[in-house]
Protein backbone atom coordinates (compact mmCIF):
# COMPACT_ATOMS: atom_id res chain seq x y z
CA MET A 1 -13.69 -13.67 15.02
CA SER A 2 -17.35 -12.70 14.82
CA ALA A 3 -18.03 -9.53 12.87
CA PRO A 4 -18.95 -6.53 15.07
CA ASP A 5 -21.96 -4.53 14.04
CA ARG A 6 -19.98 -1.27 14.19
CA ILE A 7 -16.23 -0.61 14.12
CA ARG A 8 -14.97 2.52 15.88
CA ALA A 9 -11.99 3.86 13.93
CA SER A 10 -9.38 6.53 14.62
CA VAL A 11 -7.00 8.10 12.14
CA VAL A 12 -3.70 9.42 13.48
CA GLY A 13 -1.99 11.68 10.97
CA ALA A 14 -5.28 12.44 9.27
CA THR A 15 -4.30 15.71 7.60
CA GLY A 16 -1.92 14.36 4.95
CA TYR A 17 -2.96 12.85 1.63
CA THR A 18 -3.07 9.29 2.94
CA GLY A 19 -4.91 10.32 6.11
CA ALA A 20 -7.46 12.27 4.08
CA GLU A 21 -7.99 9.26 1.84
CA LEU A 22 -8.48 7.05 4.90
CA LEU A 23 -11.16 9.42 6.17
CA ARG A 24 -12.89 9.45 2.78
CA LEU A 25 -13.07 5.68 2.68
CA LEU A 26 -13.96 5.17 6.33
CA LEU A 27 -16.75 7.75 6.20
CA GLY A 28 -18.25 5.80 3.30
CA HIS A 29 -17.88 2.42 5.00
CA PRO A 30 -21.26 0.98 6.06
CA ARG A 31 -19.93 -0.43 9.35
CA VAL A 32 -17.44 2.21 10.53
CA ASP A 33 -17.78 5.20 12.83
CA VAL A 34 -14.86 7.65 12.77
CA THR A 35 -14.29 8.63 16.42
CA PHE A 36 -10.88 10.35 16.42
CA VAL A 37 -9.19 12.56 13.82
CA GLY A 38 -5.62 13.24 14.87
CA GLY A 39 -2.94 15.58 13.59
CA HIS A 40 0.09 17.27 15.11
CA ALA A 41 0.67 20.56 13.30
CA LYS A 42 -3.06 21.13 12.68
CA ALA A 43 -4.32 20.18 16.16
CA GLY A 44 -7.11 22.46 17.30
CA GLU A 45 -8.14 23.53 13.81
CA PRO A 46 -11.55 22.64 12.31
CA ILE A 47 -11.41 19.47 10.25
CA ALA A 48 -13.33 21.18 7.45
CA ARG A 49 -10.70 23.92 7.21
CA VAL A 50 -7.77 21.52 7.04
CA LEU A 51 -9.57 19.10 4.72
CA PRO A 52 -12.08 21.14 2.72
CA SER A 53 -13.33 18.04 0.90
CA LEU A 54 -15.01 17.01 4.18
CA ARG A 55 -17.08 20.19 4.58
CA GLY A 56 -20.63 19.24 5.43
CA ILE A 57 -19.57 15.63 6.05
CA LEU A 58 -17.37 15.61 9.15
CA ASP A 59 -17.52 18.27 11.87
CA GLY A 60 -15.21 18.82 14.84
CA LEU A 61 -11.58 19.66 15.41
CA VAL A 62 -8.33 17.95 14.56
CA GLU A 63 -7.03 16.54 17.86
CA ALA A 64 -3.52 16.14 19.22
CA PHE A 65 -2.56 12.52 19.65
CA ASP A 66 -3.49 11.00 22.99
CA ALA A 67 -3.12 7.23 23.26
CA GLY A 68 -5.58 7.01 26.12
CA ALA A 69 -8.23 8.93 24.22
CA VAL A 70 -7.79 6.75 21.15
CA ALA A 71 -7.99 3.57 23.26
CA ALA A 72 -11.16 4.78 24.98
CA ARG A 73 -12.92 5.74 21.76
CA ALA A 74 -11.70 3.35 19.07
CA ASP A 75 -11.43 -0.35 18.26
CA VAL A 76 -8.84 0.24 15.56
CA ALA A 77 -6.28 2.94 14.86
CA PHE A 78 -4.82 3.84 11.48
CA CYS A 79 -1.43 5.54 11.70
CA ALA A 80 -0.68 7.63 8.61
CA LEU A 81 2.54 9.14 9.88
CA PRO A 82 6.04 9.58 8.43
CA HIS A 83 8.64 6.85 8.80
CA GLY A 84 10.27 7.05 12.21
CA ALA A 85 7.51 9.18 13.72
CA SER A 86 5.09 6.27 13.64
CA ALA A 87 6.92 3.69 15.79
CA PRO A 88 6.49 5.34 19.24
CA ILE A 89 2.84 6.15 18.45
CA VAL A 90 2.20 2.55 17.47
CA GLN A 91 3.92 1.34 20.63
CA ALA A 92 1.69 3.55 22.80
CA LEU A 93 -1.41 2.22 21.06
CA ARG A 94 -0.38 -1.43 21.33
CA GLU A 95 0.39 -0.98 25.04
CA ARG A 96 -3.29 -0.14 25.34
CA SER A 97 -4.34 -3.13 23.22
CA VAL A 98 -5.62 -1.06 20.29
CA VAL A 99 -5.61 -2.95 16.99
CA THR A 100 -3.23 -0.85 14.92
CA LEU A 101 -2.67 -0.54 11.18
CA ASP A 102 0.53 1.35 10.43
CA LEU A 103 0.99 2.89 6.99
CA SER A 104 4.63 3.91 7.46
CA ALA A 105 7.62 1.68 6.78
CA ASP A 106 8.41 1.26 10.49
CA PHE A 107 7.13 -2.32 10.76
CA ARG A 108 7.19 -3.65 7.20
CA LEU A 109 10.66 -5.23 7.24
CA ARG A 110 11.28 -8.41 9.19
CA ASP A 111 15.08 -8.27 9.22
CA ALA A 112 16.40 -5.93 11.91
CA ASP A 113 19.74 -5.45 10.15
CA ALA A 114 17.98 -4.54 6.92
CA TYR A 115 15.83 -2.01 8.76
CA ARG A 116 18.89 -0.48 10.39
CA THR A 117 20.64 -0.22 7.03
CA TRP A 118 17.77 1.53 5.28
CA TYR A 119 16.12 3.50 8.11
CA GLY A 120 18.41 3.62 11.13
CA GLU A 121 17.55 2.61 14.69
CA HIS A 122 14.00 1.48 15.33
CA GLY A 123 11.79 3.53 17.62
CA ALA A 124 9.88 0.57 19.08
CA GLY A 125 12.29 -2.34 19.16
CA ALA A 126 10.10 -4.59 21.31
CA LEU A 127 7.47 -4.63 18.55
CA PHE A 128 9.85 -5.09 15.64
CA GLY A 129 9.06 -8.26 13.68
CA HIS A 130 5.63 -8.71 15.25
CA ALA A 131 3.56 -7.08 12.51
CA VAL A 132 1.76 -8.95 9.75
CA TYR A 133 2.53 -7.58 6.31
CA GLY A 134 -0.72 -6.12 5.07
CA LEU A 135 -0.94 -7.39 1.52
CA PRO A 136 -4.19 -9.41 1.69
CA GLU A 137 -3.60 -11.28 -1.54
CA LEU A 138 -0.56 -12.97 0.03
CA HIS A 139 -1.25 -12.83 3.78
CA ARG A 140 -5.04 -13.08 4.05
CA GLU A 141 -5.26 -15.71 6.78
CA GLU A 142 -2.62 -14.10 9.00
CA LEU A 143 -4.45 -10.79 8.81
CA ARG A 144 -7.62 -12.25 10.30
CA THR A 145 -5.98 -12.38 13.74
CA ALA A 146 -3.37 -9.61 13.46
CA ASP A 147 -3.32 -6.88 16.11
CA LEU A 148 -0.48 -5.01 14.39
CA VAL A 149 -0.51 -4.68 10.61
CA ALA A 150 2.24 -3.11 8.50
CA VAL A 151 0.42 -1.78 5.46
CA PRO A 152 2.70 -2.08 2.40
CA GLY A 153 4.11 0.79 0.42
CA CYS A 154 2.56 1.71 -2.92
CA TYR A 155 5.53 0.71 -5.07
CA PRO A 156 5.96 -2.67 -3.30
CA THR A 157 2.25 -3.41 -3.67
CA ALA A 158 2.27 -2.86 -7.42
CA SER A 159 5.63 -4.57 -7.95
CA THR A 160 4.81 -7.60 -5.82
CA LEU A 161 1.35 -8.12 -7.30
CA ALA A 162 2.88 -8.11 -10.80
CA VAL A 163 5.72 -10.55 -10.12
CA ALA A 164 4.34 -12.85 -7.38
CA PRO A 165 2.33 -15.19 -9.66
CA LEU A 166 5.34 -15.74 -11.90
CA LEU A 167 7.57 -16.82 -9.02
CA ALA A 168 4.82 -18.79 -7.28
CA SER A 169 4.25 -20.85 -10.43
CA ASP A 170 7.98 -21.15 -11.23
CA LEU A 171 7.54 -19.50 -14.61
CA VAL A 172 10.47 -17.09 -14.38
CA SER A 173 13.95 -17.02 -12.90
CA PRO A 174 14.26 -15.17 -9.59
CA ASP A 175 17.55 -13.74 -10.85
CA GLY A 176 17.82 -10.56 -12.87
CA ILE A 177 14.34 -9.13 -12.25
CA VAL A 178 14.08 -5.48 -13.26
CA ILE A 179 11.20 -3.28 -12.08
CA ASP A 180 10.51 0.08 -13.73
CA ALA A 181 7.82 2.02 -11.86
CA LYS A 182 6.15 5.39 -12.31
CA SER A 183 4.21 7.30 -9.66
CA GLY A 184 2.05 10.38 -9.39
CA VAL A 185 3.23 13.27 -7.24
CA SER A 186 0.87 12.57 -4.31
CA GLY A 187 3.20 9.70 -3.41
CA ALA A 188 5.62 12.33 -2.12
CA GLY A 189 3.12 13.51 0.50
CA ARG A 190 1.33 16.78 1.17
CA SER A 191 4.26 18.85 2.42
CA PRO A 192 5.63 20.82 -0.54
CA SER A 193 9.24 20.65 -1.65
CA ALA A 194 11.33 22.08 -4.46
CA GLY A 195 11.05 18.81 -6.36
CA THR A 196 7.29 18.39 -6.11
CA HIS A 197 5.65 21.77 -6.69
CA PHE A 198 3.76 22.35 -9.93
CA THR A 199 6.45 23.96 -12.06
CA GLU A 200 8.95 21.24 -11.17
CA THR A 201 6.66 18.33 -12.10
CA SER A 202 4.07 19.42 -14.66
CA GLU A 203 6.13 19.11 -17.86
CA GLY A 204 8.74 16.46 -17.15
CA VAL A 205 9.39 12.87 -16.16
CA ARG A 206 12.43 11.84 -14.16
CA ALA A 207 13.83 8.86 -12.33
CA TYR A 208 14.97 9.24 -8.73
CA LYS A 209 16.74 7.18 -6.06
CA ILE A 210 17.97 4.74 -8.67
CA ALA A 211 20.51 1.88 -8.61
CA GLY A 212 19.39 0.32 -5.35
CA ALA A 213 18.90 3.58 -3.45
CA HIS A 214 15.12 3.56 -2.94
CA ARG A 215 13.90 2.42 0.48
CA HIS A 216 11.13 0.30 -1.00
CA THR A 217 13.71 -2.01 -2.56
CA PRO A 218 14.19 -4.28 0.51
CA GLU A 219 10.45 -4.47 1.01
CA ILE A 220 9.93 -5.74 -2.53
CA GLU A 221 12.81 -8.19 -2.15
CA GLN A 222 11.48 -9.45 1.20
CA GLU A 223 8.11 -10.43 -0.25
CA LEU A 224 9.44 -11.87 -3.49
CA SER A 225 12.09 -13.86 -1.59
CA ALA A 226 9.38 -15.42 0.57
CA ILE A 227 7.47 -16.50 -2.54
CA ALA A 228 10.57 -17.82 -4.33
CA ARG A 229 11.85 -19.49 -1.13
CA ARG A 230 15.31 -18.11 -1.83
CA PRO A 231 16.93 -14.66 -1.79
CA VAL A 232 15.74 -12.40 -4.58
CA ARG A 233 17.46 -9.19 -5.62
CA VAL A 234 15.78 -6.75 -7.97
CA THR A 235 16.81 -3.67 -9.88
CA PHE A 236 14.16 -1.11 -8.97
CA THR A 237 13.88 2.23 -10.76
CA PRO A 238 11.11 4.66 -9.70
CA HIS A 239 10.02 7.68 -11.74
CA LEU A 240 7.98 10.78 -10.90
CA VAL A 241 5.37 11.58 -13.55
CA PRO A 242 3.17 14.68 -13.87
CA MET A 243 -0.12 13.39 -12.47
CA SER A 244 -1.57 13.49 -8.98
CA ARG A 245 -2.43 9.80 -8.51
CA GLY A 246 -1.46 6.45 -9.86
CA ILE A 247 1.35 3.92 -10.15
CA LEU A 248 2.36 1.77 -13.07
CA ALA A 249 4.95 -0.90 -12.34
CA THR A 250 6.46 -2.78 -15.27
CA ALA A 251 8.64 -5.75 -14.35
CA TYR A 252 10.92 -7.78 -16.60
CA ALA A 253 11.88 -11.37 -15.75
CA HIS A 254 13.54 -14.20 -17.67
CA ALA A 255 11.16 -17.00 -18.66
CA LYS A 256 12.30 -20.42 -17.50
CA SER A 257 11.34 -22.16 -20.73
CA ASP A 258 10.06 -21.54 -24.23
CA ALA A 259 6.68 -22.87 -23.08
CA VAL A 260 6.09 -19.79 -20.94
CA ASP A 261 3.72 -17.48 -22.78
CA ALA A 262 1.34 -14.67 -21.83
CA ALA A 263 -1.56 -17.09 -21.48
CA ARG A 264 0.28 -19.22 -18.90
CA CYS A 265 1.32 -16.15 -16.94
CA THR A 266 -2.23 -14.86 -16.99
CA GLU A 267 -3.57 -18.22 -15.83
CA ALA A 268 -1.08 -18.25 -12.93
CA ALA A 269 -2.17 -14.78 -11.84
CA ARG A 270 -5.86 -15.64 -12.03
CA ALA A 271 -5.24 -18.70 -9.88
CA LEU A 272 -3.25 -16.80 -7.25
CA TYR A 273 -5.72 -13.90 -7.06
CA ALA A 274 -8.92 -15.92 -7.30
CA GLY A 275 -11.48 -14.45 -4.93
CA SER A 276 -9.68 -11.14 -4.47
CA PRO A 277 -12.11 -8.20 -4.55
CA SER A 278 -9.27 -5.89 -5.59
CA VAL A 279 -6.99 -7.56 -8.16
CA VAL A 280 -8.27 -7.77 -11.72
CA VAL A 281 -6.17 -9.85 -14.12
CA LEU A 282 -6.55 -8.54 -17.66
CA GLU A 283 -6.40 -10.55 -20.86
CA PRO A 284 -2.97 -11.67 -22.15
CA GLY A 285 -1.08 -8.87 -23.86
CA ALA A 286 -3.15 -6.05 -22.37
CA CYS A 287 -1.51 -2.84 -21.15
CA PRO A 288 -3.08 -1.47 -17.93
CA ASP A 289 -3.67 2.27 -17.55
CA THR A 290 -3.56 4.25 -14.30
CA LEU A 291 -6.74 6.03 -15.39
CA TRP A 292 -8.68 2.77 -15.22
CA VAL A 293 -8.12 2.41 -11.46
CA ARG A 294 -7.97 6.05 -10.30
CA GLY A 295 -9.79 6.53 -6.99
CA SER A 296 -10.54 2.81 -6.59
CA ASN A 297 -9.08 0.00 -4.53
CA ARG A 298 -8.41 -2.07 -7.62
CA ALA A 299 -5.16 -3.22 -9.15
CA HIS A 300 -5.02 -4.26 -12.80
CA VAL A 301 -2.40 -6.88 -13.66
CA ALA A 302 -1.39 -8.06 -17.14
CA TYR A 303 1.31 -10.13 -18.85
CA SER A 304 3.11 -10.24 -22.17
CA VAL A 305 6.12 -12.24 -23.37
CA ASP A 306 8.78 -10.92 -25.75
CA ALA A 307 9.37 -13.90 -28.04
CA ARG A 308 12.73 -12.52 -29.19
CA THR A 309 14.32 -12.08 -25.77
CA ARG A 310 12.21 -14.57 -23.72
CA LEU A 311 11.51 -11.81 -21.24
CA VAL A 312 8.18 -11.85 -19.44
CA VAL A 313 6.74 -8.33 -19.12
CA ALA A 314 4.51 -8.08 -16.04
CA GLN A 315 2.49 -4.92 -15.42
CA CYS A 316 0.43 -3.70 -12.50
CA THR A 317 -1.35 -0.39 -12.11
CA LEU A 318 -3.11 0.98 -9.03
CA ASP A 319 -3.99 4.20 -7.24
CA ASN A 320 -1.11 4.88 -4.87
CA LEU A 321 -3.41 6.49 -2.28
CA VAL A 322 -6.04 3.73 -2.33
CA LYS A 323 -4.83 0.19 -3.08
CA GLY A 324 -1.32 1.53 -2.50
CA ALA A 325 -2.16 2.86 0.98
CA ALA A 326 -5.54 3.79 2.53
CA GLY A 327 -7.77 1.33 0.67
CA GLN A 328 -5.43 -1.55 1.36
CA ALA A 329 -5.46 -0.59 5.06
CA VAL A 330 -9.26 -0.71 5.07
CA GLN A 331 -9.10 -4.08 3.32
CA CYS A 332 -6.88 -5.33 6.17
CA MET A 333 -9.26 -3.88 8.78
CA ASN A 334 -12.15 -5.72 7.19
CA LEU A 335 -10.30 -9.02 7.44
CA ARG A 336 -9.24 -8.39 11.04
CA PHE A 337 -12.76 -7.59 12.18
CA GLY A 338 -14.48 -10.42 10.36
CA ARG A 339 -16.07 -8.30 7.66
CA ASP A 340 -16.16 -9.01 3.95
CA GLU A 341 -12.73 -8.09 2.62
CA GLY A 342 -14.02 -5.64 0.04
CA GLU A 343 -16.69 -3.99 2.20
CA GLY A 344 -16.72 -0.22 1.77
CA LEU A 345 -14.30 -0.49 -1.16
CA GLU A 346 -16.67 -1.41 -3.96
CA GLY A 347 -16.65 1.95 -5.74
CA ALA A 348 -15.65 2.13 -9.37
CA ALA A 349 -12.67 4.13 -10.54
CA MET A 350 -13.09 7.79 -11.52
CA PHE A 351 -13.10 7.62 -15.31
CA PRO A 352 -12.03 9.70 -17.09
């Protein structure tokens, strides 16, 4: 489609960490006008009070959700709502033909039985299976015409970007893949809990929802299975680490032959991600650092091979709120509205 001169954007669920990050990026986008800032619990409060980082930048009040108001004032809606709460909101927006990018898990899975197993009954069954999975590096052409986009989770983005080139180039076995991932505390959302306040997180590292219990597991398996063209099962272990932002996913996979080395893995990744404004493939043997991508829409990918065990070690690091959520959503919006994929996302990481 031809690129519009201006894109009118709404953010529903704007007062959480992901919603705030969406506003930050959209307000800096050269072709976007933010026309609706929605929130449930904070409706009626000044935006600058709820999100002090926007003082002097964005005036007005947080509004209660109204599908008609969004449809009248916006070309695209970003839904940064919790799982389950998003589906009926998305349905109301799509009934009014609003292009919708959903950042919850409500539309990411394509198998209805898998969704029911991991999340329960779906709140918008008529739309289930109609979303395009919003990982541009794998679904770029589909996103150009998508009216409903399911923006991936942060863990699946990092895990898939690390492993996808290896499966696509048939360098590793699809069996026995292990993914060890570590995330900053902002991935748990803005609402405080006993397990996420400062004294519970500042001096320790712990795994959680292990042994196939984390809801991102089927999402990772869905995308890797599509690449491998056969069912893939992974062992996924997430950890909470004492930092606000960032994800580091380290995946282990069995090399298919002794000829598989770090250089071949790196070459495969550079071929798959050629032209991506977001994925940077580092030199063979490098170890990415979350600090190198903090605040940016970039993902750093790197590969090593353990010559003793013939295990390929694939790493990907990204900012869970940007490339793992809000930035990736903006990337998808750019594709859908005919803009350059990386427009508004060119900023460097915050280092140190």
